[in-house]
Amino acid sequence: MLLGAVLWFLVLKSGVHATLAGVALALTIPLRPTPGKVDDVDHSPLHRLEHALHRVVPFVIIPIFGFANAGVSFSGMTAESLTNHLTLGVALGLLLGKLVGVFGSAALVIRMGWADLPARASWPQLLGVSLLCGIGFTMSLFIGLLAFADDPTLQNEVKVGILLGSLAAGLAGWLALRLARPEPARETAAAPV
């Protein structure tokens, strides 16, 4: 990890995109504890590092990446800026639009008999997963920045709406999945002998 941090810093200062340092470092972490020998792969340096970073990445690194990528300035933000039409429209589009699109499409396909719910999955679980689909940064930011290319104020409103909508979708999806119960295991009829 320490070597990787030094490598990242040096690559960043060289003018090359620092992401390449992460790719190069990832290629050098051994999968097997002893090269050329079949060992217990679960105790390899790669797996130890992966497990050490397991909690930090989703709860610290990814949110920081999201805010840094969005480039949202919270200076001068008021309650009024959180409730303007563009911000609310983007937030509700992510929350409700994705819910209607994903859940509605899946429900339609399942009801028409073209697909089945996964084994032991329930409709409330499908609803929760559909809500989680409202978490979106990359394409939402891309489209928002293209739509309002000449107006930085509107771009900022779009960014805040994306963050609010993603946060609301994440919390609503988590709550729905937390409260949802899986379907009981279905007994299958024994095949005739």
Protein backbone atom coordinates (compact mmCIF):
# COMPACT_ATOMS: atom_id res chain seq x y z
CA MET A 1 0.00 0.00 0.00
CA LEU A 2 2.77 2.41 0.92
CA LEU A 3 4.67 1.67 -2.28
CA GLY A 4 1.45 2.15 -4.22
CA ALA A 5 0.84 5.56 -2.63
CA VAL A 6 4.37 6.68 -3.51
CA LEU A 7 3.96 5.36 -7.08
CA TRP A 8 0.62 7.17 -7.44
CA PHE A 9 2.11 10.47 -6.21
CA LEU A 10 5.11 10.24 -8.55
CA VAL A 11 2.97 9.36 -11.57
CA LEU A 12 0.60 12.24 -10.72
CA LYS A 13 3.51 14.70 -10.52
CA SER A 14 4.93 13.41 -13.82
CA GLY A 15 1.89 14.68 -15.70
CA VAL A 16 0.61 11.22 -16.63
CA HIS A 17 -2.90 10.34 -15.46
CA ALA A 18 -2.54 8.84 -11.97
CA THR A 19 -5.06 6.08 -12.73
CA LEU A 20 -2.29 4.31 -14.63
CA ALA A 21 -0.35 3.94 -11.37
CA GLY A 22 -3.28 2.00 -9.88
CA VAL A 23 -3.44 -0.29 -12.91
CA ALA A 24 0.32 -0.91 -12.84
CA LEU A 25 0.26 -1.58 -9.11
CA ALA A 26 -2.67 -3.98 -9.41
CA LEU A 27 -0.75 -6.00 -11.98
CA THR A 28 2.16 -6.49 -9.56
CA ILE A 29 0.27 -7.76 -6.47
CA PRO A 30 0.76 -11.54 -6.31
CA LEU A 31 -2.26 -13.83 -6.37
CA ARG A 32 -0.29 -16.71 -4.92
CA PRO A 33 1.79 -16.45 -1.70
CA THR A 34 4.59 -18.54 -3.22
CA PRO A 35 5.27 -18.07 -6.95
CA GLY A 36 5.05 -21.28 -8.97
CA LYS A 37 3.50 -23.22 -6.10
CA VAL A 38 -0.14 -24.10 -5.58
CA ASP A 39 -0.96 -22.48 -2.24
CA ASP A 40 -4.08 -21.46 -0.42
CA VAL A 41 -5.14 -18.55 -2.64
CA ASP A 42 -7.42 -17.12 0.10
CA HIS A 43 -4.30 -16.06 2.03
CA SER A 44 -2.53 -14.45 -0.91
CA PRO A 45 -1.26 -10.87 -0.73
CA LEU A 46 -3.96 -9.84 -3.22
CA HIS A 47 -6.77 -11.25 -1.09
CA ARG A 48 -5.37 -9.81 2.14
CA LEU A 49 -5.19 -6.37 0.53
CA GLU A 50 -8.67 -6.75 -0.94
CA HIS A 51 -10.14 -7.66 2.46
CA ALA A 52 -8.27 -4.81 4.18
CA LEU A 53 -9.76 -2.29 1.72
CA HIS A 54 -13.23 -3.86 1.66
CA ARG A 55 -14.84 -1.43 4.14
CA VAL A 56 -12.88 1.69 3.21
CA VAL A 57 -13.58 1.68 -0.52
CA PRO A 58 -17.42 1.75 -0.60
CA PHE A 59 -17.86 4.08 2.37
CA VAL A 60 -14.94 6.49 1.96
CA ILE A 61 -13.16 6.26 -1.41
CA ILE A 62 -16.20 6.02 -3.72
CA PRO A 63 -18.10 8.93 -2.07
CA ILE A 64 -14.97 11.10 -2.25
CA PHE A 65 -14.58 10.10 -5.90
CA GLY A 66 -18.22 10.98 -6.56
CA PHE A 67 -17.93 14.44 -5.01
CA ALA A 68 -14.58 15.14 -6.66
CA ASN A 69 -15.87 14.00 -10.05
CA ALA A 70 -19.05 16.02 -9.71
CA GLY A 71 -17.14 19.18 -8.89
CA VAL A 72 -20.02 20.55 -6.86
CA SER A 73 -19.34 23.65 -4.81
CA PHE A 74 -21.38 23.79 -1.61
CA SER A 75 -20.38 27.37 -0.87
CA GLY A 76 -23.36 29.69 -0.80
CA MET A 77 -25.82 26.81 -0.99
CA THR A 78 -29.18 27.56 0.62
CA ALA A 79 -32.35 25.57 1.22
CA GLU A 80 -33.82 27.42 -1.75
CA SER A 81 -31.13 26.04 -4.07
CA LEU A 82 -32.02 22.52 -2.92
CA THR A 83 -35.67 22.99 -3.84
CA ASN A 84 -35.49 24.75 -7.20
CA HIS A 85 -37.23 23.11 -10.15
CA LEU A 86 -34.16 21.82 -11.98
CA THR A 87 -32.56 20.27 -8.90
CA LEU A 88 -35.80 18.56 -7.86
CA GLY A 89 -36.53 17.46 -11.42
CA VAL A 90 -33.16 15.75 -11.76
CA ALA A 91 -33.41 14.17 -8.29
CA LEU A 92 -36.94 12.87 -8.88
CA GLY A 93 -35.97 11.69 -12.35
CA LEU A 94 -33.27 9.49 -10.87
CA LEU A 95 -35.42 8.28 -7.99
CA LEU A 96 -38.81 7.79 -9.64
CA GLY A 97 -37.83 7.59 -13.30
CA LYS A 98 -35.43 4.71 -12.76
CA LEU A 99 -37.93 3.01 -10.44
CA VAL A 100 -40.72 3.18 -13.01
CA GLY A 101 -38.44 2.16 -15.86
CA VAL A 102 -36.60 -0.72 -14.21
CA PHE A 103 -39.37 -2.09 -11.99
CA GLY A 104 -42.04 -1.50 -14.62
CA SER A 105 -40.06 -3.23 -17.38
CA ALA A 106 -39.13 -6.17 -15.17
CA ALA A 107 -42.70 -6.55 -13.88
CA LEU A 108 -44.09 -6.42 -17.41
CA VAL A 109 -41.67 -9.06 -18.69
CA ILE A 110 -42.36 -11.30 -15.68
CA ARG A 111 -46.16 -10.89 -15.95
CA MET A 112 -46.03 -11.71 -19.67
CA GLY A 113 -44.25 -14.95 -18.84
CA TRP A 114 -41.05 -14.11 -20.69
CA ALA A 115 -38.99 -14.22 -17.49
CA ASP A 116 -39.24 -15.34 -13.87
CA LEU A 117 -38.28 -13.72 -10.63
CA PRO A 118 -35.01 -15.22 -9.42
CA ALA A 119 -35.37 -18.18 -7.04
CA ARG A 120 -36.55 -17.06 -3.58
CA ALA A 121 -36.75 -13.42 -4.74
CA SER A 122 -39.85 -11.45 -3.83
CA TRP A 123 -41.54 -8.47 -5.47
CA PRO A 124 -40.46 -6.14 -2.64
CA GLN A 125 -36.86 -7.23 -3.25
CA LEU A 126 -37.24 -6.41 -6.94
CA LEU A 127 -38.62 -3.03 -5.90
CA GLY A 128 -35.57 -2.43 -3.67
CA VAL A 129 -33.12 -3.33 -6.43
CA SER A 130 -35.03 -1.09 -8.85
CA LEU A 131 -34.72 1.79 -6.39
CA LEU A 132 -30.96 1.20 -6.14
CA CYS A 133 -30.76 1.65 -9.93
CA GLY A 134 -31.46 5.34 -9.29
CA ILE A 135 -27.93 5.74 -7.97
CA GLY A 136 -26.11 7.22 -10.91
CA PHE A 137 -23.28 9.64 -11.39
CA THR A 138 -21.40 9.09 -14.61
CA MET A 139 -24.06 9.23 -17.33
CA SER A 140 -26.22 11.66 -15.36
CA LEU A 141 -23.33 14.09 -15.02
CA PHE A 142 -22.36 13.63 -18.66
CA ILE A 143 -25.88 14.37 -19.92
CA GLY A 144 -26.39 17.26 -17.49
CA LEU A 145 -23.13 18.90 -18.50
CA LEU A 146 -24.00 18.52 -22.19
CA ALA A 147 -27.52 19.88 -21.69
CA PHE A 148 -26.33 23.04 -19.94
CA ALA A 149 -22.87 23.47 -21.46
CA ASP A 150 -23.06 27.28 -21.45
CA ASP A 151 -24.50 27.87 -17.97
CA PRO A 152 -22.35 26.94 -14.93
CA THR A 153 -25.19 27.84 -12.53
CA LEU A 154 -27.54 25.33 -14.14
CA GLN A 155 -24.74 22.75 -14.27
CA ASN A 156 -24.30 23.11 -10.52
CA GLU A 157 -28.05 22.67 -9.97
CA VAL A 158 -27.96 19.49 -12.06
CA LYS A 159 -25.01 18.18 -10.05
CA VAL A 160 -26.78 18.84 -6.75
CA GLY A 161 -29.91 17.14 -8.11
CA ILE A 162 -27.86 14.09 -9.13
CA LEU A 163 -26.32 13.86 -5.68
CA LEU A 164 -29.69 14.29 -3.94
CA GLY A 165 -31.43 11.80 -6.23
CA SER A 166 -28.66 9.24 -5.85
CA LEU A 167 -28.68 9.63 -2.09
CA ALA A 168 -32.48 9.30 -1.93
CA ALA A 169 -32.44 6.27 -4.25
CA GLY A 170 -29.71 4.60 -2.20
CA LEU A 171 -31.52 5.15 1.09
CA ALA A 172 -34.92 4.11 -0.29
CA GLY A 173 -33.42 0.99 -1.91
CA TRP A 174 -31.60 0.07 1.28
CA LEU A 175 -34.78 0.50 3.32
CA ALA A 176 -36.88 -1.51 0.86
CA LEU A 177 -34.36 -4.36 0.83
CA ARG A 178 -33.99 -4.21 4.60
CA LEU A 179 -37.75 -4.63 5.07
CA ALA A 180 -38.29 -7.12 2.23
CA ARG A 181 -38.48 -10.82 2.99
CA PRO A 182 -37.38 -13.49 0.54
CA GLU A 183 -39.94 -15.90 -0.79
CA PRO A 184 -39.94 -19.27 0.95
CA ALA A 185 -38.19 -22.05 -0.95
CA ARG A 186 -40.60 -23.65 -3.37
CA GLU A 187 -40.82 -27.40 -3.32
CA THR A 188 -40.37 -28.95 -6.71
CA ALA A 189 -42.22 -32.09 -7.61
CA ALA A 190 -40.07 -35.17 -7.84
CA ALA A 191 -39.51 -36.38 -11.37
CA PRO A 192 -41.25 -39.68 -12.15
CA VAL A 193 -38.99 -42.69 -12.19
